[in-house]
């Protein structure tokens, strides 16, 4: 289980988190992203096929991974947000059955950053949920991810309803209708998720899920408290008001200089403290894992931390501190609750 900022001295590889547990076989993987880089998406079959390498130059390994996993993968993205490399690899065409565009309509955007993998081992079902804060691209910005392992119990739990509704929504919201077998598999997965039991990461007592922008699902995230920290690459006055309306004490904001400069004078309270990450941070080599320039640049992490007395809630996911994020965009947050 992981709940960590991908910092220079404590990094986690997203693809490592998708690899099946020892002795387990992947039966279904569902991913959601706003922008989809096709080159990055080729690494997903390599990871979930259980191979030790994610080297895209090994076309034979990529082809083998695609052939064995593509029928088990569904990736959903915002319509029109596919990134094609300057020199496309021919085998990218094999991704087509697994890639699905979504247009929420009414000017809204599809922004959840979620990966859900279902594995089977000795007739037992193992679930892994990854809640990220950036797209499936080759970006090298600061990021945060929550990874949860779970299993299927014999009775449903109300905490799972927002997650199940998100997966159910995917089954019927694509621009091009899904093939019947893929649609039914998503419906079955959404039903199974209602029975999931998740291992809560250490230092926390409980967790919750929040789907935003899904028809028929009312947002339930409670940001009231004594103090608040907002980590978000995008800000606007109405989004900050949504987050701070019920905060009685100090506010700290970590964002980009561009986003902070876009706020009008007086839109932040006098007791707000603002921070801007360094433009680039050198990072040490990570074993034999190749790195892109050994630097982290840009901010993609979205995290809201609310302190209430001796308790704290952390909200991690795709939702930024903007009005659009709370007013119709489809998004997803995981909430971790524990002692401050």
Protein backbone atom coordinates (compact mmCIF):
# COMPACT_ATOMS: atom_id res chain seq x y z
CA UNK A 1 0.00 0.00 0.00
CA UNK A 2 1.33 3.40 -0.92
CA UNK A 3 0.37 6.91 0.00
CA UNK A 4 3.31 9.04 -0.98
CA UNK A 5 4.37 12.02 -3.00
CA UNK A 6 6.73 10.87 -5.74
CA UNK A 7 9.60 12.89 -4.29
CA UNK A 8 13.26 12.82 -5.44
CA UNK A 9 14.38 10.48 -2.65
CA UNK A 10 11.22 8.35 -2.40
CA UNK A 11 9.94 7.39 -5.82
CA UNK A 12 7.36 4.83 -6.89
CA UNK A 13 6.93 3.63 -10.45
CA UNK A 14 3.29 3.69 -11.54
CA UNK A 15 3.83 0.65 -13.75
CA UNK A 16 5.27 -1.33 -10.83
CA UNK A 17 1.99 -0.75 -8.99
CA UNK A 18 0.06 -2.38 -11.84
CA UNK A 19 2.06 -5.60 -11.86
CA UNK A 20 0.06 -8.64 -10.67
CA UNK A 21 0.74 -9.96 -7.17
CA UNK A 22 2.91 -13.07 -7.10
CA UNK A 23 1.01 -16.07 -8.44
CA UNK A 24 -1.96 -13.97 -9.57
CA UNK A 25 -3.35 -13.48 -13.08
CA UNK A 26 -4.94 -10.27 -14.31
CA UNK A 27 -8.54 -10.65 -15.47
CA UNK A 28 -9.45 -6.97 -16.04
CA UNK A 29 -7.76 -3.56 -15.84
CA UNK A 30 -9.64 -0.27 -16.16
CA UNK A 31 -7.89 3.07 -16.47
CA UNK A 32 -9.20 6.63 -16.76
CA UNK A 33 -7.29 9.72 -17.86
CA UNK A 34 -7.94 13.14 -19.37
CA UNK A 35 -5.05 13.05 -21.86
CA UNK A 36 -3.77 9.75 -23.22
CA UNK A 37 -0.27 9.39 -24.61
CA UNK A 38 -0.24 6.31 -26.85
CA UNK A 39 3.45 5.70 -26.25
CA UNK A 40 2.92 5.64 -22.49
CA UNK A 41 -0.13 3.41 -22.83
CA UNK A 42 1.98 0.75 -24.56
CA UNK A 43 3.82 0.26 -21.27
CA UNK A 44 0.62 -0.77 -19.48
CA UNK A 45 0.35 -4.19 -21.23
CA UNK A 46 4.04 -4.77 -20.51
CA UNK A 47 3.49 -4.11 -16.82
CA UNK A 48 0.35 -6.16 -16.30
CA UNK A 49 1.65 -9.08 -18.35
CA UNK A 50 4.14 -9.58 -15.52
CA UNK A 51 7.28 -8.97 -17.56
CA UNK A 52 10.38 -7.53 -15.94
CA UNK A 53 10.94 -4.86 -18.58
CA UNK A 54 8.99 -1.88 -19.88
CA UNK A 55 11.39 -1.19 -22.74
CA UNK A 56 9.29 -0.11 -25.71
CA UNK A 57 12.17 -0.65 -28.11
CA UNK A 58 11.71 -4.41 -27.63
CA UNK A 59 8.89 -4.69 -30.16
CA UNK A 60 8.59 -8.45 -29.79
CA UNK A 61 7.98 -8.14 -26.04
CA UNK A 62 5.48 -5.32 -26.61
CA UNK A 63 3.64 -7.34 -29.25
CA UNK A 64 3.49 -10.41 -27.02
CA UNK A 65 2.19 -8.35 -24.10
CA UNK A 66 -0.47 -6.71 -26.26
CA UNK A 67 -1.70 -10.02 -27.63
CA UNK A 68 -2.09 -11.54 -24.17
CA UNK A 69 -3.60 -8.56 -22.35
CA UNK A 70 -5.40 -6.21 -24.74
CA UNK A 71 -8.72 -8.02 -24.36
CA UNK A 72 -8.45 -7.45 -20.59
CA UNK A 73 -7.76 -3.70 -20.68
CA UNK A 74 -10.12 -0.73 -20.99
CA UNK A 75 -8.71 2.83 -21.03
CA UNK A 76 -11.08 5.80 -21.02
CA UNK A 77 -10.00 9.33 -21.98
CA UNK A 78 -11.39 12.75 -22.81
CA UNK A 79 -12.43 12.83 -26.47
CA UNK A 80 -9.84 14.65 -28.59
CA UNK A 81 -7.05 14.29 -26.02
CA UNK A 82 -4.95 11.50 -27.56
CA UNK A 83 -1.25 12.26 -27.93
CA UNK A 84 0.35 10.53 -30.92
CA UNK A 85 4.17 10.39 -31.08
CA UNK A 86 5.99 12.01 -33.98
CA UNK A 87 7.02 8.57 -35.20
CA UNK A 88 4.15 6.21 -34.37
CA UNK A 89 4.91 2.56 -33.73
CA UNK A 90 2.89 0.33 -36.04
CA UNK A 91 1.76 -1.98 -33.25
CA UNK A 92 -0.07 0.97 -31.64
CA UNK A 93 -3.03 0.01 -33.79
CA UNK A 94 -3.47 -3.04 -31.55
CA UNK A 95 -4.48 -0.67 -28.73
CA UNK A 96 -7.61 0.41 -30.56
CA UNK A 97 -10.09 -2.09 -29.02
CA UNK A 98 -9.04 -1.03 -25.52
CA UNK A 99 -9.13 2.77 -25.93
CA UNK A 100 -12.46 4.57 -25.45
CA UNK A 101 -13.27 8.30 -25.76
CA UNK A 102 -15.74 10.08 -23.47
CA UNK A 103 -17.38 13.49 -23.91
CA UNK A 104 -19.30 14.57 -20.77
CA UNK A 105 -21.11 17.37 -22.62
CA UNK A 106 -22.25 20.85 -21.50
CA UNK A 107 -18.65 22.08 -21.67
CA UNK A 108 -17.49 19.76 -18.92
CA UNK A 109 -14.37 17.56 -18.97
CA UNK A 110 -13.58 13.94 -18.16
CA UNK A 111 -10.78 14.10 -15.57
CA UNK A 112 -10.71 11.08 -13.22
CA UNK A 113 -7.25 9.56 -12.79
CA UNK A 114 -8.05 6.04 -11.62
CA UNK A 115 -6.70 2.58 -12.36
CA UNK A 116 -8.51 -0.50 -11.13
CA UNK A 117 -7.06 -3.97 -11.61
CA UNK A 118 -8.76 -7.28 -10.88
CA UNK A 119 -6.61 -10.37 -10.37
CA UNK A 120 -7.39 -14.00 -9.59
CA UNK A 121 -5.22 -16.39 -7.59
CA UNK A 122 -6.32 -19.81 -6.37
CA UNK A 123 -9.96 -18.91 -7.03
CA UNK A 124 -9.59 -15.78 -4.86
CA UNK A 125 -10.25 -12.30 -6.22
CA UNK A 126 -7.65 -9.61 -5.54
CA UNK A 127 -8.33 -5.93 -6.30
CA UNK A 128 -5.90 -3.04 -6.64
CA UNK A 129 -7.02 0.56 -6.88
CA UNK A 130 -4.67 3.37 -7.88
CA UNK A 131 -5.87 6.97 -7.49
CA UNK A 132 -3.48 9.31 -9.26
CA UNK A 133 -3.35 13.03 -9.91
CA UNK A 134 -2.05 13.23 -13.46
CA UNK A 135 -2.71 11.81 -16.91
CA UNK A 136 -1.24 8.77 -18.60
CA UNK A 137 1.50 10.76 -20.35
CA UNK A 138 5.28 11.09 -20.25
CA UNK A 139 5.14 14.06 -17.92
CA UNK A 140 7.81 14.36 -15.22
CA UNK A 141 6.01 16.64 -12.75
CA UNK A 142 5.52 16.23 -9.02
CA UNK A 143 2.78 13.67 -8.46
CA UNK A 144 0.99 11.84 -5.68
CA UNK A 145 -0.67 8.43 -5.78
CA UNK A 146 -2.72 6.35 -3.37
CA UNK A 147 -2.59 2.59 -3.94
CA UNK A 148 -5.05 0.30 -2.19
CA UNK A 149 -5.27 -3.49 -2.14
CA UNK A 150 -8.55 -5.22 -1.52
CA UNK A 151 -10.64 -8.37 -1.73
CA UNK A 152 -14.30 -9.18 -2.31
CA UNK A 153 -16.47 -9.93 0.73
CA UNK A 154 -19.92 -11.48 1.02
CA UNK A 155 -21.90 -8.30 1.69
CA UNK A 156 -21.79 -4.78 0.24
CA UNK A 157 -20.30 -1.69 1.85
CA UNK A 158 -21.75 1.78 1.36
CA UNK A 159 -18.25 3.31 1.13
CA UNK A 160 -17.79 1.68 -2.29
CA UNK A 161 -20.89 3.21 -3.91
CA UNK A 162 -19.13 6.25 -5.52
CA UNK A 163 -16.41 4.05 -7.03
CA UNK A 164 -18.93 1.51 -8.32
CA UNK A 165 -21.02 4.30 -9.87
CA UNK A 166 -17.96 5.69 -11.69
CA UNK A 167 -17.20 2.29 -13.27
CA UNK A 168 -20.88 1.80 -14.11
CA UNK A 169 -20.94 5.25 -15.76
CA UNK A 170 -18.03 4.30 -18.01
CA UNK A 171 -19.97 1.38 -19.45
CA UNK A 172 -22.59 3.62 -21.08
CA UNK A 173 -20.86 6.97 -21.68
CA UNK A 174 -18.38 6.39 -24.49
CA UNK A 175 -18.57 8.28 -27.79
CA UNK A 176 -18.57 4.96 -29.66
CA UNK A 177 -20.67 2.35 -27.80
CA UNK A 178 -18.60 -0.40 -26.23
CA UNK A 179 -18.69 -3.92 -27.55
CA UNK A 180 -21.31 -5.91 -25.65
CA UNK A 181 -18.78 -8.09 -23.85
CA UNK A 182 -16.69 -5.13 -22.68
CA UNK A 183 -19.79 -3.26 -21.52
CA UNK A 184 -21.08 -6.24 -19.57
CA UNK A 185 -17.68 -6.82 -17.99
CA UNK A 186 -17.68 -3.24 -16.67
CA UNK A 187 -21.20 -3.64 -15.30
CA UNK A 188 -20.16 -6.87 -13.56
CA UNK A 189 -17.06 -5.17 -12.14
CA UNK A 190 -19.10 -2.25 -10.80
CA UNK A 191 -21.38 -4.69 -9.01
CA UNK A 192 -18.43 -6.63 -7.59
CA UNK A 193 -16.85 -3.42 -6.30
CA UNK A 194 -19.79 -2.85 -3.96
CA UNK A 195 -18.49 -5.82 -1.97
CA UNK A 196 -14.85 -4.72 -1.82
CA UNK A 197 -12.90 -4.51 1.42
CA UNK A 198 -9.84 -2.25 1.20
CA UNK A 199 -6.72 -2.34 3.32
CA UNK A 200 -6.38 1.12 4.87
CA UNK A 201 -2.81 2.48 4.64
CA UNK A 202 -0.85 2.71 7.88
CA UNK A 203 -1.32 5.89 9.95
CA UNK A 204 -4.97 6.15 8.82
CA UNK A 205 -8.13 4.76 10.38
CA UNK A 206 -10.63 4.84 7.52
CA UNK A 207 -11.11 5.80 3.89
CA UNK A 208 -13.81 7.10 1.62
CA UNK A 209 -14.44 7.68 -2.07
CA UNK A 210 -15.97 10.70 -3.82
CA UNK A 211 -17.15 10.76 -7.44
CA UNK A 212 -17.80 14.17 -8.96
CA UNK A 213 -19.84 15.00 -12.06
CA UNK A 214 -21.55 11.59 -12.29
CA UNK A 215 -25.30 12.00 -13.00
CA UNK A 216 -27.34 11.01 -9.98
CA UNK A 217 -24.38 11.06 -7.57
CA UNK A 218 -24.28 13.96 -5.09
CA UNK A 219 -20.76 15.12 -4.08
CA UNK A 220 -20.16 14.21 -0.44
CA UNK A 221 -16.67 15.53 0.32
CA UNK A 222 -16.61 17.62 3.51
CA UNK A 223 -13.85 20.23 3.57
CA UNK A 224 -14.87 21.92 6.83
CA UNK A 225 -12.25 22.21 9.55
CA UNK A 226 -9.70 24.32 11.39
CA UNK A 227 -6.84 24.42 8.91
CA UNK A 228 -6.44 23.57 5.23
CA UNK A 229 -3.57 22.89 2.85
CA UNK A 230 -4.29 22.96 -0.89
CA UNK A 231 -1.85 21.43 -3.36
CA UNK A 232 -3.10 22.09 -6.89
CA UNK A 233 -1.53 23.18 -10.20
CA UNK A 234 -4.70 25.11 -11.09
CA UNK A 235 -6.62 27.63 -8.99
CA UNK A 236 -9.44 30.09 -9.32
CA UNK A 237 -11.41 32.19 -6.86
CA UNK A 238 -14.62 30.14 -6.91
CA UNK A 239 -12.75 26.87 -6.56
CA UNK A 240 -10.84 28.17 -3.55
CA UNK A 241 -14.09 29.46 -2.05
CA UNK A 242 -15.62 25.99 -2.38
CA UNK A 243 -12.69 24.57 -0.41
CA UNK A 244 -12.26 27.31 2.20
CA UNK A 245 -15.85 28.37 2.93
CA UNK A 246 -15.95 26.28 6.11
CA UNK A 247 -12.31 26.63 7.20
CA UNK A 248 -11.97 28.66 10.39
CA UNK A 249 -8.17 28.95 10.55
CA UNK A 250 -5.03 29.09 8.46
CA UNK A 251 -4.77 28.26 4.77
CA UNK A 252 -1.63 27.09 2.95
CA UNK A 253 -1.48 26.80 -0.85
CA UNK A 254 1.09 25.01 -2.99
CA UNK A 255 0.62 25.87 -6.66
CA UNK A 256 2.31 27.25 -9.75
CA UNK A 257 3.32 30.88 -10.06
CA UNK A 258 1.08 31.22 -13.11
CA UNK A 259 -1.98 30.03 -11.18
CA UNK A 260 -1.26 32.30 -8.22
CA UNK A 261 -0.68 35.29 -10.48
CA UNK A 262 -4.10 34.65 -12.04
CA UNK A 263 -5.89 35.42 -8.76
CA UNK A 264 -7.18 38.95 -8.29
CA UNK A 265 -6.04 41.04 -5.29
CA UNK A 266 -8.15 40.29 -2.26
CA UNK A 267 -9.23 36.82 -3.42
CA UNK A 268 -6.94 35.24 -0.81
CA UNK A 269 -7.32 35.92 2.89
CA UNK A 270 -4.51 37.70 4.73
CA UNK A 271 -3.61 34.56 6.68
CA UNK A 272 -3.08 32.46 3.52
CA UNK A 273 0.49 31.30 2.90
CA UNK A 274 1.51 30.42 -0.65
CA UNK A 275 4.34 28.21 -1.90
CA UNK A 276 5.69 27.58 -5.41
CA UNK A 277 7.81 24.48 -6.19
CA UNK A 278 11.23 24.98 -7.74
CA UNK A 279 11.12 24.98 -11.54
CA UNK A 280 13.22 21.80 -11.61
CA UNK A 281 14.62 19.50 -8.94
CA UNK A 282 17.61 17.27 -9.58
CA UNK A 283 17.03 13.69 -8.55
CA UNK A 284 19.57 10.93 -7.95
CA UNK A 285 19.63 7.90 -10.27
CA UNK A 286 17.21 5.15 -9.20
CA UNK A 287 19.13 1.91 -9.57
CA UNK A 288 19.26 0.81 -13.19
CA UNK A 289 15.88 2.35 -13.98
CA UNK A 290 16.28 4.86 -16.83
CA UNK A 291 15.28 8.42 -16.04
CA UNK A 292 14.38 11.30 -18.32
CA UNK A 293 16.98 13.92 -17.56
CA UNK A 294 17.01 13.00 -13.85
CA UNK A 295 14.83 15.99 -13.00
CA UNK A 296 11.31 16.63 -11.80
CA UNK A 297 9.68 19.70 -13.30
CA UNK A 298 6.16 21.03 -12.96
CA UNK A 299 3.37 20.34 -10.49
CA UNK A 300 0.61 17.79 -11.08
CA UNK A 301 -0.21 16.70 -7.54
CA UNK A 302 -3.73 17.46 -6.30
CA UNK A 303 -4.14 17.11 -2.54
CA UNK A 304 -6.39 18.77 0.01
CA UNK A 305 -5.49 18.31 3.68
CA UNK A 306 -8.12 19.32 6.27
CA UNK A 307 -7.32 19.41 9.98
CA UNK A 308 -10.16 19.22 12.51
CA UNK A 309 -8.89 19.24 16.08
CA UNK A 310 -6.78 16.10 16.48
CA UNK A 311 -8.08 14.56 13.23
CA UNK A 312 -7.02 15.05 9.60
CA UNK A 313 -8.52 14.10 6.26
CA UNK A 314 -6.45 13.91 3.08
CA UNK A 315 -8.26 14.10 -0.26
CA UNK A 316 -6.19 12.88 -3.24
CA UNK A 317 -7.23 12.64 -6.87
CA UNK A 318 -7.87 14.49 -10.09
CA UNK A 319 -9.87 17.38 -8.62
CA UNK A 320 -8.15 20.76 -8.79
CA UNK A 321 -8.94 23.91 -6.80
CA UNK A 322 -11.11 25.30 -9.60
CA UNK A 323 -14.80 26.00 -10.07
CA UNK A 324 -15.05 23.62 -13.04
CA UNK A 325 -13.76 20.72 -10.94
CA UNK A 326 -16.73 21.09 -8.58
CA UNK A 327 -19.33 22.22 -11.12
CA UNK A 328 -19.71 19.41 -13.61
CA UNK A 329 -16.30 17.99 -14.54
CA UNK A 330 -16.09 14.24 -13.93
CA UNK A 331 -13.50 13.56 -11.25
CA UNK A 332 -12.62 11.23 -8.42
CA UNK A 333 -11.11 11.65 -4.94
CA UNK A 334 -10.03 9.14 -2.31
CA UNK A 335 -10.24 10.35 1.29
CA UNK A 336 -7.90 9.06 3.99
CA UNK A 337 -8.81 9.90 7.58
CA UNK A 338 -6.75 9.58 10.74
CA UNK A 339 -5.01 11.42 13.56
CA UNK A 340 -3.36 14.72 12.67
